[in-house]
């Protein structure tokens, strides 16, 4: 179990932009993270509690979507801060006990 989460399992939500990570985070944690169709809406790693029932609680991380790099649209310090935010998300996800990979519905297939 991750030392970062006080002994509770740490689960990171990862995937491309607009895969529904923040929507899932809001639903299961009762949170109110900003949700938008605009790529790159989630910049900071958000952390919440997800009660799975039966006394099992996990810490859930909502992370920036892969492909959310805005560096080409930003200049100087803003581009540097954007890159740092994405690196922080990668580092936090790497420390998780489990990574849940979400895929946008538009990319989902019915094949198993």
PDB file of N, CA and C in Angstrom:
ATOM      1  N   UNK A   1       0.829  -1.186   0.000  1.00  0.00           N
ATOM      2  CA  UNK A   1       0.000   0.000   0.000  1.00  0.00           C
ATOM      3  C   UNK A   1       0.868   1.242   0.000  1.00  0.00           C
ATOM      4  N   UNK A   2       0.404   2.229  -0.682  1.00  0.00           N
ATOM      5  CA  UNK A   2       1.173   3.451  -0.853  1.00  0.00           C
ATOM      6  C   UNK A   2       1.346   4.199   0.467  1.00  0.00           C
ATOM      7  N   UNK A   3       2.527   4.671   0.692  1.00  0.00           N
ATOM      8  CA  UNK A   3       2.792   5.483   1.877  1.00  0.00           C
ATOM      9  C   UNK A   3       2.140   6.857   1.747  1.00  0.00           C
ATOM     10  N   UNK A   4       1.898   7.305   0.500  1.00  0.00           N
ATOM     11  CA  UNK A   4       1.313   8.622   0.263  1.00  0.00           C
ATOM     12  C   UNK A   4      -0.121   8.722   0.747  1.00  0.00           C
ATOM     13  N   UNK A   5      -0.829   7.611   0.864  1.00  0.00           N
ATOM     14  CA  UNK A   5      -2.267   7.667   1.116  1.00  0.00           C
ATOM     15  C   UNK A   5      -2.646   7.245   2.532  1.00  0.00           C
ATOM     16  N   UNK A   6      -1.703   7.257   3.444  1.00  0.00           N
ATOM     17  CA  UNK A   6      -2.016   6.921   4.822  1.00  0.00           C
ATOM     18  C   UNK A   6      -2.402   5.472   5.017  1.00  0.00           C
ATOM     19  N   UNK A   7      -1.885   4.571   4.188  1.00  0.00           N
ATOM     20  CA  UNK A   7      -2.185   3.157   4.318  1.00  0.00           C
ATOM     21  C   UNK A   7      -3.326   2.680   3.454  1.00  0.00           C
ATOM     22  N   UNK A   8      -4.150   3.599   2.945  1.00  0.00           N
ATOM     23  CA  UNK A   8      -5.227   3.203   2.036  1.00  0.00           C
ATOM     24  C   UNK A   8      -4.637   2.973   0.652  1.00  0.00           C
ATOM     25  N   UNK A   9      -5.157   2.002  -0.090  1.00  0.00           N
ATOM     26  CA  UNK A   9      -4.671   1.807  -1.459  1.00  0.00           C
ATOM     27  C   UNK A   9      -4.853   3.091  -2.271  1.00  0.00           C
ATOM     28  N   UNK A  10      -3.890   3.374  -3.118  1.00  0.00           N
ATOM     29  CA  UNK A  10      -3.917   4.571  -3.959  1.00  0.00           C
ATOM     30  C   UNK A  10      -4.185   4.147  -5.395  1.00  0.00           C
ATOM     31  N   UNK A  11      -5.253   4.678  -5.984  1.00  0.00           N
ATOM     32  CA  UNK A  11      -5.673   4.330  -7.338  1.00  0.00           C
ATOM     33  C   UNK A  11      -5.624   5.591  -8.191  1.00  0.00           C
ATOM     34  N   UNK A  12      -4.925   5.523  -9.323  1.00  0.00           N
ATOM     35  CA  UNK A  12      -4.815   6.666 -10.233  1.00  0.00           C
ATOM     36  C   UNK A  12      -5.688   6.451 -11.461  1.00  0.00           C
ATOM     37  N   UNK A  13      -6.438   7.479 -11.820  1.00  0.00           N
ATOM     38  CA  UNK A  13      -7.204   7.469 -13.067  1.00  0.00           C
ATOM     39  C   UNK A  13      -6.312   8.055 -14.148  1.00  0.00           C
ATOM     40  N   UNK A  14      -6.071   7.283 -15.197  1.00  0.00           N
ATOM     41  CA  UNK A  14      -5.211   7.731 -16.300  1.00  0.00           C
ATOM     42  C   UNK A  14      -5.912   7.458 -17.615  1.00  0.00           C
ATOM     43  N   UNK A  15      -5.435   8.105 -18.659  1.00  0.00           N
ATOM     44  CA  UNK A  15      -5.987   7.918 -19.988  1.00  0.00           C
ATOM     45  C   UNK A  15      -5.856   9.198 -20.782  1.00  0.00           C
ATOM     46  N   UNK A  16      -6.293   9.168 -22.033  1.00  0.00           N
ATOM     47  CA  UNK A  16      -6.193  10.358 -22.874  1.00  0.00           C
ATOM     48  C   UNK A  16      -7.161  11.450 -22.423  1.00  0.00           C
ATOM     49  N   UNK A  17      -6.994  12.626 -22.993  1.00  0.00           N
ATOM     50  CA  UNK A  17      -7.902  13.728 -22.689  1.00  0.00           C
ATOM     51  C   UNK A  17      -9.335  13.323 -23.025  1.00  0.00           C
ATOM     52  N   UNK A  18     -10.258  13.857 -22.262  1.00  0.00           N
ATOM     53  CA  UNK A  18     -11.696  13.650 -22.473  1.00  0.00           C
ATOM     54  C   UNK A  18     -12.115  12.185 -22.434  1.00  0.00           C
ATOM     55  N   UNK A  19     -11.458  11.402 -21.577  1.00  0.00           N
ATOM     56  CA  UNK A  19     -11.831   9.992 -21.421  1.00  0.00           C
ATOM     57  C   UNK A  19     -12.856   9.803 -20.303  1.00  0.00           C
ATOM     58  N   UNK A  20     -13.163  10.863 -19.560  1.00  0.00           N
ATOM     59  CA  UNK A  20     -14.137  10.768 -18.483  1.00  0.00           C
ATOM     60  C   UNK A  20     -13.538  10.580 -17.104  1.00  0.00           C
ATOM     61  N   UNK A  21     -12.243  10.853 -16.959  1.00  0.00           N
ATOM     62  CA  UNK A  21     -11.576  10.662 -15.668  1.00  0.00           C
ATOM     63  C   UNK A  21     -12.189  11.545 -14.580  1.00  0.00           C
ATOM     64  N   UNK A  22     -12.361  12.823 -14.871  1.00  0.00           N
ATOM     65  CA  UNK A  22     -12.921  13.742 -13.872  1.00  0.00           C
ATOM     66  C   UNK A  22     -14.390  13.444 -13.600  1.00  0.00           C
ATOM     67  N   UNK A  23     -15.125  13.025 -14.606  1.00  0.00           N
ATOM     68  CA  UNK A  23     -16.530  12.659 -14.411  1.00  0.00           C
ATOM     69  C   UNK A  23     -16.637  11.467 -13.468  1.00  0.00           C
ATOM     70  N   UNK A  24     -15.808  10.441 -13.687  1.00  0.00           N
ATOM     71  CA  UNK A  24     -15.798   9.280 -12.798  1.00  0.00           C
ATOM     72  C   UNK A  24     -15.368   9.685 -11.394  1.00  0.00           C
ATOM     73  N   UNK A  25     -14.312  10.489 -11.300  1.00  0.00           N
ATOM     74  CA  UNK A  25     -13.821  10.977 -10.008  1.00  0.00           C
ATOM     75  C   UNK A  25     -14.945  11.678  -9.246  1.00  0.00           C
ATOM     76  N   UNK A  26     -15.651  12.583  -9.912  1.00  0.00           N
ATOM     77  CA  UNK A  26     -16.753  13.304  -9.271  1.00  0.00           C
ATOM     78  C   UNK A  26     -17.829  12.349  -8.780  1.00  0.00           C
ATOM     79  N   UNK A  27     -18.177  11.379  -9.606  1.00  0.00           N
ATOM     80  CA  UNK A  27     -19.268  10.462  -9.275  1.00  0.00           C
ATOM     81  C   UNK A  27     -18.930   9.604  -8.059  1.00  0.00           C
ATOM     82  N   UNK A  28     -17.755   9.001  -8.044  1.00  0.00           N
ATOM     83  CA  UNK A  28     -17.448   8.050  -6.968  1.00  0.00           C
ATOM     84  C   UNK A  28     -16.943   8.722  -5.692  1.00  0.00           C
ATOM     85  N   UNK A  29     -16.395   9.931  -5.814  1.00  0.00           N
ATOM     86  CA  UNK A  29     -15.876  10.626  -4.632  1.00  0.00           C
ATOM     87  C   UNK A  29     -16.839  11.687  -4.108  1.00  0.00           C
ATOM     88  N   UNK A  30     -17.925  11.931  -4.838  1.00  0.00           N
ATOM     89  CA  UNK A  30     -18.831  13.000  -4.433  1.00  0.00           C
ATOM     90  C   UNK A  30     -18.166  14.354  -4.535  1.00  0.00           C
ATOM     91  N   UNK A  31     -17.235  14.475  -5.472  1.00  0.00           N
ATOM     92  CA  UNK A  31     -16.465  15.709  -5.640  1.00  0.00           C
ATOM     93  C   UNK A  31     -17.113  16.597  -6.697  1.00  0.00           C
ATOM     94  N   UNK A  32     -16.512  17.753  -6.906  1.00  0.00           N
ATOM     95  CA  UNK A  32     -17.020  18.707  -7.880  1.00  0.00           C
ATOM     96  C   UNK A  32     -15.870  19.233  -8.730  1.00  0.00           C
ATOM     97  N   UNK A  33     -15.043  18.315  -9.243  1.00  0.00           N
ATOM     98  CA  UNK A  33     -13.935  18.712 -10.109  1.00  0.00           C
ATOM     99  C   UNK A  33     -14.499  19.279 -11.408  1.00  0.00           C
ATOM    100  N   UNK A  34     -13.841  20.287 -11.942  1.00  0.00           N
ATOM    101  CA  UNK A  34     -14.266  20.922 -13.182  1.00  0.00           C
ATOM    102  C   UNK A  34     -14.240  19.916 -14.322  1.00  0.00           C
ATOM    103  N   UNK A  35     -15.332  19.866 -15.093  1.00  0.00           N
ATOM    104  CA  UNK A  35     -15.462  18.967 -16.237  1.00  0.00           C
ATOM    105  C   UNK A  35     -15.798  19.809 -17.454  1.00  0.00           C
ATOM    106  N   UNK A  36     -15.124  19.528 -18.580  1.00  0.00           N
ATOM    107  CA  UNK A  36     -15.342  20.298 -19.800  1.00  0.00           C
ATOM    108  C   UNK A  36     -14.967  19.457 -21.006  1.00  0.00           C
ATOM    109  N   UNK A  37     -15.521  19.807 -22.165  1.00  0.00           N
ATOM    110  CA  UNK A  37     -15.115  19.165 -23.414  1.00  0.00           C
ATOM    111  C   UNK A  37     -13.761  19.677 -23.878  1.00  0.00           C
ATOM    112  N   UNK A  38     -13.265  20.737 -23.263  1.00  0.00           N
ATOM    113  CA  UNK A  38     -11.992  21.353 -23.631  1.00  0.00           C
ATOM    114  C   UNK A  38     -10.839  20.477 -23.145  1.00  0.00           C
ATOM    115  N   UNK A  39      -9.978  20.049 -24.059  1.00  0.00           N
ATOM    116  CA  UNK A  39      -8.809  19.250 -23.678  1.00  0.00           C
ATOM    117  C   UNK A  39      -7.929  20.041 -22.719  1.00  0.00           C
ATOM    118  N   UNK A  40      -7.405  19.359 -21.719  1.00  0.00           N
ATOM    119  CA  UNK A  40      -6.494  20.003 -20.783  1.00  0.00           C
ATOM    120  C   UNK A  40      -7.183  20.705 -19.629  1.00  0.00           C
ATOM    121  N   UNK A  41      -8.462  20.411 -19.386  1.00  0.00           N
ATOM    122  CA  UNK A  41      -9.179  21.057 -18.282  1.00  0.00           C
ATOM    123  C   UNK A  41      -8.552  20.689 -16.943  1.00  0.00           C
ATOM    124  N   UNK A  42      -8.258  19.411 -16.729  1.00  0.00           N
ATOM    125  CA  UNK A  42      -7.625  18.974 -15.478  1.00  0.00           C
ATOM    126  C   UNK A  42      -6.124  19.198 -15.587  1.00  0.00           C
ATOM    127  N   UNK A  43      -5.574  20.028 -14.727  1.00  0.00           N
ATOM    128  CA  UNK A  43      -4.136  20.309 -14.733  1.00  0.00           C
ATOM    129  C   UNK A  43      -3.482  19.772 -13.468  1.00  0.00           C
ATOM    130  N   UNK A  44      -4.094  20.031 -12.316  1.00  0.00           N
ATOM    131  CA  UNK A  44      -3.539  19.574 -11.047  1.00  0.00           C
ATOM    132  C   UNK A  44      -4.068  18.183 -10.729  1.00  0.00           C
ATOM    133  N   UNK A  45      -3.284  17.416  -9.995  1.00  0.00           N
ATOM    134  CA  UNK A  45      -3.744  16.108  -9.528  1.00  0.00           C
ATOM    135  C   UNK A  45      -4.723  16.347  -8.383  1.00  0.00           C
ATOM    136  N   UNK A  46      -5.923  15.791  -8.519  1.00  0.00           N
ATOM    137  CA  UNK A  46      -6.934  15.890  -7.470  1.00  0.00           C
ATOM    138  C   UNK A  46      -6.989  14.561  -6.735  1.00  0.00           C
ATOM    139  N   UNK A  47      -7.220  14.613  -5.431  1.00  0.00           N
ATOM    140  CA  UNK A  47      -7.270  13.393  -4.631  1.00  0.00           C
ATOM    141  C   UNK A  47      -8.560  13.365  -3.823  1.00  0.00           C
ATOM    142  N   UNK A  48      -9.202  12.209  -3.811  1.00  0.00           N
ATOM    143  CA  UNK A  48     -10.441  12.052  -3.060  1.00  0.00           C
ATOM    144  C   UNK A  48     -10.558  10.645  -2.508  1.00  0.00           C
ATOM    145  N   UNK A  49     -11.561  10.438  -1.656  1.00  0.00           N
ATOM    146  CA  UNK A  49     -11.819   9.124  -1.066  1.00  0.00           C
ATOM    147  C   UNK A  49     -12.945   8.439  -1.815  1.00  0.00           C
ATOM    148  N   UNK A  50     -12.744   7.159  -2.113  1.00  0.00           N
ATOM    149  CA  UNK A  50     -13.745   6.344  -2.799  1.00  0.00           C
ATOM    150  C   UNK A  50     -14.093   5.195  -1.866  1.00  0.00           C
ATOM    151  N   UNK A  51     -15.304   5.210  -1.328  1.00  0.00           N
ATOM    152  CA  UNK A  51     -15.777   4.168  -0.421  1.00  0.00           C
ATOM    153  C   UNK A  51     -16.355   3.031  -1.253  1.00  0.00           C
ATOM    154  N   UNK A  52     -15.663   1.901  -1.266  1.00  0.00           N
ATOM    155  CA  UNK A  52     -16.091   0.747  -2.053  1.00  0.00           C
ATOM    156  C   UNK A  52     -17.114  -0.106  -1.312  1.00  0.00           C
ATOM    157  N   UNK A  53     -17.399   0.235  -0.068  1.00  0.00           N
ATOM    158  CA  UNK A  53     -18.328  -0.546   0.744  1.00  0.00           C
ATOM    159  C   UNK A  53     -17.586  -1.593   1.554  1.00  0.00           C
ATOM    160  N   UNK A  54     -18.246  -2.125   2.551  1.00  0.00           N
ATOM    161  CA  UNK A  54     -17.629  -3.157   3.378  1.00  0.00           C
ATOM    162  C   UNK A  54     -16.416  -2.676   4.140  1.00  0.00           C
ATOM    163  N   UNK A  55     -16.342  -1.379   4.396  1.00  0.00           N
ATOM    164  CA  UNK A  55     -15.208  -0.825   5.125  1.00  0.00           C
ATOM    165  C   UNK A  55     -13.966  -0.609   4.281  1.00  0.00           C
ATOM    166  N   UNK A  56     -14.068  -0.780   2.967  1.00  0.00           N
ATOM    167  CA  UNK A  56     -12.916  -0.600   2.077  1.00  0.00           C
ATOM    168  C   UNK A  56     -12.968   0.797   1.455  1.00  0.00           C
ATOM    169  N   UNK A  57     -11.933   1.574   1.711  1.00  0.00           N
ATOM    170  CA  UNK A  57     -11.818   2.920   1.153  1.00  0.00           C
ATOM    171  C   UNK A  57     -10.484   3.009   0.431  1.00  0.00           C
ATOM    172  N   UNK A  58     -10.496   3.597  -0.757  1.00  0.00           N
ATOM    173  CA  UNK A  58      -9.256   3.841  -1.490  1.00  0.00           C
ATOM    174  C   UNK A  58      -9.132   5.338  -1.726  1.00  0.00           C
ATOM    175  N   UNK A  59      -7.898   5.779  -1.902  1.00  0.00           N
ATOM    176  CA  UNK A  59      -7.634   7.163  -2.296  1.00  0.00           C
ATOM    177  C   UNK A  59      -7.575   7.165  -3.815  1.00  0.00           C
ATOM    178  N   UNK A  60      -8.339   8.051  -4.445  1.00  0.00           N
ATOM    179  CA  UNK A  60      -8.431   8.109  -5.895  1.00  0.00           C
ATOM    180  C   UNK A  60      -7.777   9.388  -6.394  1.00  0.00           C
ATOM    181  N   UNK A  61      -6.930   9.251  -7.418  1.00  0.00           N
ATOM    182  CA  UNK A  61      -6.265  10.398  -8.032  1.00  0.00           C
ATOM    183  C   UNK A  61      -6.870  10.674  -9.398  1.00  0.00           C
ATOM    184  N   UNK A  62      -7.283  11.909  -9.626  1.00  0.00           N
ATOM    185  CA  UNK A  62      -7.736  12.363 -10.940  1.00  0.00           C
ATOM    186  C   UNK A  62      -6.563  13.114 -11.553  1.00  0.00           C
ATOM    187  N   UNK A  63      -6.076  12.639 -12.686  1.00  0.00           N
ATOM    188  CA  UNK A  63      -4.879  13.222 -13.289  1.00  0.00           C
ATOM    189  C   UNK A  63      -5.177  13.828 -14.651  1.00  0.00           C
ATOM    190  N   UNK A  64      -4.292  14.690 -15.098  1.00  0.00           N
ATOM    191  CA  UNK A  64      -4.415  15.299 -16.424  1.00  0.00           C
ATOM    192  C   UNK A  64      -4.357  14.216 -17.490  1.00  0.00           C
ATOM    193  N   UNK A  65      -5.133  14.407 -18.540  1.00  0.00           N
ATOM    194  CA  UNK A  65      -5.166  13.436 -19.624  1.00  0.00           C
ATOM    195  C   UNK A  65      -3.905  13.458 -20.465  1.00  0.00           C
ATOM    196  N   UNK A  66      -3.517  12.289 -20.919  1.00  0.00           N
ATOM    197  CA  UNK A  66      -2.369  12.199 -21.817  1.00  0.00           C
ATOM    198  C   UNK A  66      -2.751  12.853 -23.136  1.00  0.00           C
ATOM    199  N   UNK A  67      -1.820  13.586 -23.693  1.00  0.00           N
ATOM    200  CA  UNK A  67      -2.119  14.335 -24.901  1.00  0.00           C
ATOM    201  C   UNK A  67      -2.647  15.717 -24.572  1.00  0.00           C
ATOM    202  N   UNK A  68      -2.621  16.073 -23.268  1.00  0.00           N
ATOM    203  CA  UNK A  68      -3.131  17.376 -22.849  1.00  0.00           C
ATOM    204  C   UNK A  68      -2.060  18.455 -22.902  1.00  0.00           C
ATOM    205  N   UNK A  69      -0.878  18.089 -23.398  1.00  0.00           N
ATOM    206  CA  UNK A  69       0.203  19.064 -23.433  1.00  0.00           C
ATOM    207  C   UNK A  69      -0.221  20.274 -24.253  1.00  0.00           C
ATOM    208  N   UNK A  70      -0.165  21.426 -23.625  1.00  0.00           N
ATOM    209  CA  UNK A  70      -0.574  22.660 -24.284  1.00  0.00           C
ATOM    210  C   UNK A  70       0.628  23.498 -24.683  1.00  0.00           C
ATOM    211  N   UNK A  71       1.820  22.930 -24.528  1.00  0.00           N
ATOM    212  CA  UNK A  71       3.047  23.675 -24.771  1.00  0.00           C
ATOM    213  C   UNK A  71       3.084  24.392 -26.104  1.00  0.00           C
ATOM    214  N   UNK A  72       2.548  23.783 -27.157  1.00  0.00           N
ATOM    215  CA  UNK A  72       2.549  24.421 -28.468  1.00  0.00           C
ATOM    216  C   UNK A  72       1.641  25.626 -28.537  1.00  0.00           C
ATOM    217  N   UNK A  73       0.704  25.717 -27.591  1.00  0.00           N
ATOM    218  CA  UNK A  73      -0.234  26.834 -27.564  1.00  0.00           C
ATOM    219  C   UNK A  73       0.164  27.880 -26.530  1.00  0.00           C
ATOM    220  N   UNK A  74       1.212  27.598 -25.766  1.00  0.00           N
ATOM    221  CA  UNK A  74       1.626  28.477 -24.684  1.00  0.00           C
ATOM    222  C   UNK A  74       3.041  28.970 -24.928  1.00  0.00           C
ATOM    223  N   UNK A  75       3.377  30.089 -24.298  1.00  0.00           N
ATOM    224  CA  UNK A  75       4.709  30.658 -24.430  1.00  0.00           C
ATOM    225  C   UNK A  75       5.416  30.684 -23.083  1.00  0.00           C
ATOM    226  N   UNK A  76       6.737  30.587 -23.121  1.00  0.00           N
ATOM    227  CA  UNK A  76       7.589  30.820 -21.971  1.00  0.00           C
ATOM    228  C   UNK A  76       7.196  30.124 -20.696  1.00  0.00           C
ATOM    229  N   UNK A  77       6.940  30.927 -19.668  1.00  0.00           N
ATOM    230  CA  UNK A  77       6.660  30.420 -18.328  1.00  0.00           C
ATOM    231  C   UNK A  77       5.405  29.559 -18.299  1.00  0.00           C
ATOM    232  N   UNK A  78       4.377  29.919 -19.056  1.00  0.00           N
ATOM    233  CA  UNK A  78       3.141  29.133 -19.078  1.00  0.00           C
ATOM    234  C   UNK A  78       3.408  27.729 -19.619  1.00  0.00           C
ATOM    235  N   UNK A  79       4.228  27.610 -20.658  1.00  0.00           N
ATOM    236  CA  UNK A  79       4.565  26.302 -21.224  1.00  0.00           C
ATOM    237  C   UNK A  79       5.374  25.480 -20.226  1.00  0.00           C
ATOM    238  N   UNK A  80       6.276  26.141 -19.503  1.00  0.00           N
ATOM    239  CA  UNK A  80       7.091  25.454 -18.499  1.00  0.00           C
ATOM    240  C   UNK A  80       6.202  24.923 -17.371  1.00  0.00           C
ATOM    241  N   UNK A  81       5.264  25.737 -16.902  1.00  0.00           N
ATOM    242  CA  UNK A  81       4.357  25.311 -15.834  1.00  0.00           C
ATOM    243  C   UNK A  81       3.450  24.178 -16.296  1.00  0.00           C
ATOM    244  N   UNK A  82       3.022  24.221 -17.553  1.00  0.00           N
ATOM    245  CA  UNK A  82       2.198  23.149 -18.118  1.00  0.00           C
ATOM    246  C   UNK A  82       2.969  21.832 -18.107  1.00  0.00           C
ATOM    247  N   UNK A  83       4.221  21.873 -18.537  1.00  0.00           N
ATOM    248  CA  UNK A  83       5.052  20.665 -18.563  1.00  0.00           C
ATOM    249  C   UNK A  83       5.277  20.132 -17.148  1.00  0.00           C
ATOM    250  N   UNK A  84       5.486  21.020 -16.185  1.00  0.00           N
ATOM    251  CA  UNK A  84       5.675  20.594 -14.796  1.00  0.00           C
ATOM    252  C   UNK A  84       4.415  19.940 -14.237  1.00  0.00           C
ATOM    253  N   UNK A  85       3.248  20.485 -14.569  1.00  0.00           N
ATOM    254  CA  UNK A  85       1.987  19.904 -14.095  1.00  0.00           C
ATOM    255  C   UNK A  85       1.808  18.490 -14.628  1.00  0.00           C
ATOM    256  N   UNK A  86       2.120  18.274 -15.896  1.00  0.00           N
ATOM    257  CA  UNK A  86       1.985  16.942 -16.485  1.00  0.00           C
ATOM    258  C   UNK A  86       2.997  15.966 -15.893  1.00  0.00           C
ATOM    259  N   UNK A  87       4.201  16.435 -15.624  1.00  0.00           N
ATOM    260  CA  UNK A  87       5.213  15.576 -15.004  1.00  0.00           C
ATOM    261  C   UNK A  87       4.780  15.187 -13.588  1.00  0.00           C
ATOM    262  N   UNK A  88       4.203  16.118 -12.853  1.00  0.00           N
ATOM    263  CA  UNK A  88       3.702  15.821 -11.504  1.00  0.00           C
ATOM    264  C   UNK A  88       2.613  14.749 -11.571  1.00  0.00           C
ATOM    265  N   UNK A  89       1.725  14.844 -12.551  1.00  0.00           N
ATOM    266  CA  UNK A  89       0.669  13.835 -12.718  1.00  0.00           C
ATOM    267  C   UNK A  89       1.278  12.466 -12.996  1.00  0.00           C
ATOM    268  N   UNK A  90       2.290  12.410 -13.843  1.00  0.00           N
ATOM    269  CA  UNK A  90       2.962  11.136 -14.151  1.00  0.00           C
ATOM    270  C   UNK A  90       3.602  10.542 -12.900  1.00  0.00           C
ATOM    271  N   UNK A  91       4.269  11.389 -12.125  1.00  0.00           N
ATOM    272  CA  UNK A  91       4.934  10.918 -10.910  1.00  0.00           C
ATOM    273  C   UNK A  91       3.932  10.382  -9.892  1.00  0.00           C
ATOM    274  N   UNK A  92       2.832  11.095  -9.687  1.00  0.00           N
ATOM    275  CA  UNK A  92       1.816  10.636  -8.731  1.00  0.00           C
ATOM    276  C   UNK A  92       1.206   9.320  -9.185  1.00  0.00           C
ATOM    277  N   UNK A  93       0.924   9.193 -10.487  1.00  0.00           N
ATOM    278  CA  UNK A  93       0.351   7.949 -11.007  1.00  0.00           C
ATOM    279  C   UNK A  93       1.337   6.797 -10.841  1.00  0.00           C
ATOM    280  N   UNK A  94       2.625   7.079 -11.000  1.00  0.00           N
ATOM    281  CA  UNK A  94       3.642   6.034 -10.859  1.00  0.00           C
ATOM    282  C   UNK A  94       3.714   5.511  -9.425  1.00  0.00           C
ATOM    283  N   UNK A  95       3.300   6.320  -8.453  1.00  0.00           N
ATOM    284  CA  UNK A  95       3.341   5.886  -7.053  1.00  0.00           C
ATOM    285  C   UNK A  95       2.070   5.142  -6.637  1.00  0.00           C
ATOM    286  N   UNK A  96       1.109   5.040  -7.544  1.00  0.00           N
ATOM    287  CA  UNK A  96      -0.173   4.402  -7.213  1.00  0.00           C
ATOM    288  C   UNK A  96      -0.032   2.889  -7.108  1.00  0.00           C
ATOM    289  N   UNK A  97      -0.912   2.296  -6.315  1.00  0.00           N
ATOM    290  CA  UNK A  97      -0.974   0.844  -6.197  1.00  0.00           C
ATOM    291  C   UNK A  97      -1.663   0.229  -7.409  1.00  0.00           C
ATOM    292  N   UNK A  98      -2.543   1.001  -8.025  1.00  0.00           N
ATOM    293  CA  UNK A  98      -3.304   0.536  -9.184  1.00  0.00           C
ATOM    294  C   UNK A  98      -3.584   1.723 -10.082  1.00  0.00           C
ATOM    295  N   UNK A  99      -3.473   1.519 -11.387  1.00  0.00           N
ATOM    296  CA  UNK A  99      -3.837   2.544 -12.361  1.00  0.00           C
ATOM    297  C   UNK A  99      -5.042   2.042 -13.138  1.00  0.00           C
ATOM    298  N   UNK A 100      -6.118   2.825 -13.117  1.00  0.00           N
ATOM    299  CA  UNK A 100      -7.294   2.521 -13.936  1.00  0.00           C
ATOM    300  C   UNK A 100      -7.177   3.332 -15.215  1.00  0.00           C
ATOM    301  N   UNK A 101      -7.091   2.643 -16.345  1.00  0.00           N
ATOM    302  CA  UNK A 101      -6.944   3.301 -17.641  1.00  0.00           C
ATOM    303  C   UNK A 101      -8.329   3.487 -18.253  1.00  0.00           C
ATOM    304  N   UNK A 102      -8.702   4.725 -18.500  1.00  0.00           N
ATOM    305  CA  UNK A 102      -9.991   5.031 -19.112  1.00  0.00           C
ATOM    306  C   UNK A 102      -9.788   5.374 -20.577  1.00  0.00           C
ATOM    307  N   UNK A 103     -10.740   4.973 -21.395  1.00  0.00           N
ATOM    308  CA  UNK A 103     -10.709   5.232 -22.832  1.00  0.00           C
ATOM    309  C   UNK A 103     -11.965   6.003 -23.206  1.00  0.00           C
ATOM    310  N   UNK A 104     -11.845   7.039 -24.034  1.00  0.00           N
ATOM    311  CA  UNK A 104     -13.044   7.762 -24.461  1.00  0.00           C
ATOM    312  C   UNK A 104     -14.024   6.819 -25.158  1.00  0.00           C
ATOM    313  N   UNK A 105     -15.304   7.034 -24.933  1.00  0.00           N
ATOM    314  CA  UNK A 105     -16.336   6.195 -25.547  1.00  0.00           C
ATOM    315  C   UNK A 105     -16.166   6.164 -27.060  1.00  0.00           C
ATOM    316  N   UNK A 106     -15.746   7.273 -27.646  1.00  0.00           N
ATOM    317  CA  UNK A 106     -15.574   7.340 -29.101  1.00  0.00           C
ATOM    318  C   UNK A 106     -14.506   6.381 -29.609  1.00  0.00           C
ATOM    319  N   UNK A 107     -13.611   5.926 -28.720  1.00  0.00           N
ATOM    320  CA  UNK A 107     -12.538   5.011 -29.115  1.00  0.00           C
ATOM    321  C   UNK A 107     -12.782   3.579 -28.650  1.00  0.00           C
ATOM    322  N   UNK A 108     -13.841   3.360 -27.893  1.00  0.00           N
ATOM    323  CA  UNK A 108     -14.122   2.029 -27.356  1.00  0.00           C
ATOM    324  C   UNK A 108     -14.570   1.087 -28.467  1.00  0.00           C
ATOM    325  N   UNK A 109     -14.239  -0.174 -28.290  1.00  0.00           N
ATOM    326  CA  UNK A 109     -14.681  -1.200 -29.234  1.00  0.00           C
ATOM    327  C   UNK A 109     -15.466  -2.252 -28.478  1.00  0.00           C
ATOM    328  N   UNK A 110     -16.243  -3.011 -29.190  1.00  0.00           N
ATOM    329  CA  UNK A 110     -17.027  -4.065 -28.539  1.00  0.00           C
ATOM    330  C   UNK A 110     -16.270  -5.383 -28.491  1.00  0.00           C
ATOM    331  N   UNK A 111     -15.063  -5.417 -29.055  1.00  0.00           N
ATOM    332  CA  UNK A 111     -14.267  -6.644 -29.039  1.00  0.00           C
ATOM    333  C   UNK A 111     -13.600  -6.807 -27.688  1.00  0.00           C
ATOM    334  N   UNK A 112     -13.541  -8.035 -27.220  1.00  0.00           N
ATOM    335  CA  UNK A 112     -12.891  -8.300 -25.933  1.00  0.00           C
ATOM    336  C   UNK A 112     -11.540  -8.921 -26.156  1.00  0.00           C
TER     337      UNK A 112
END
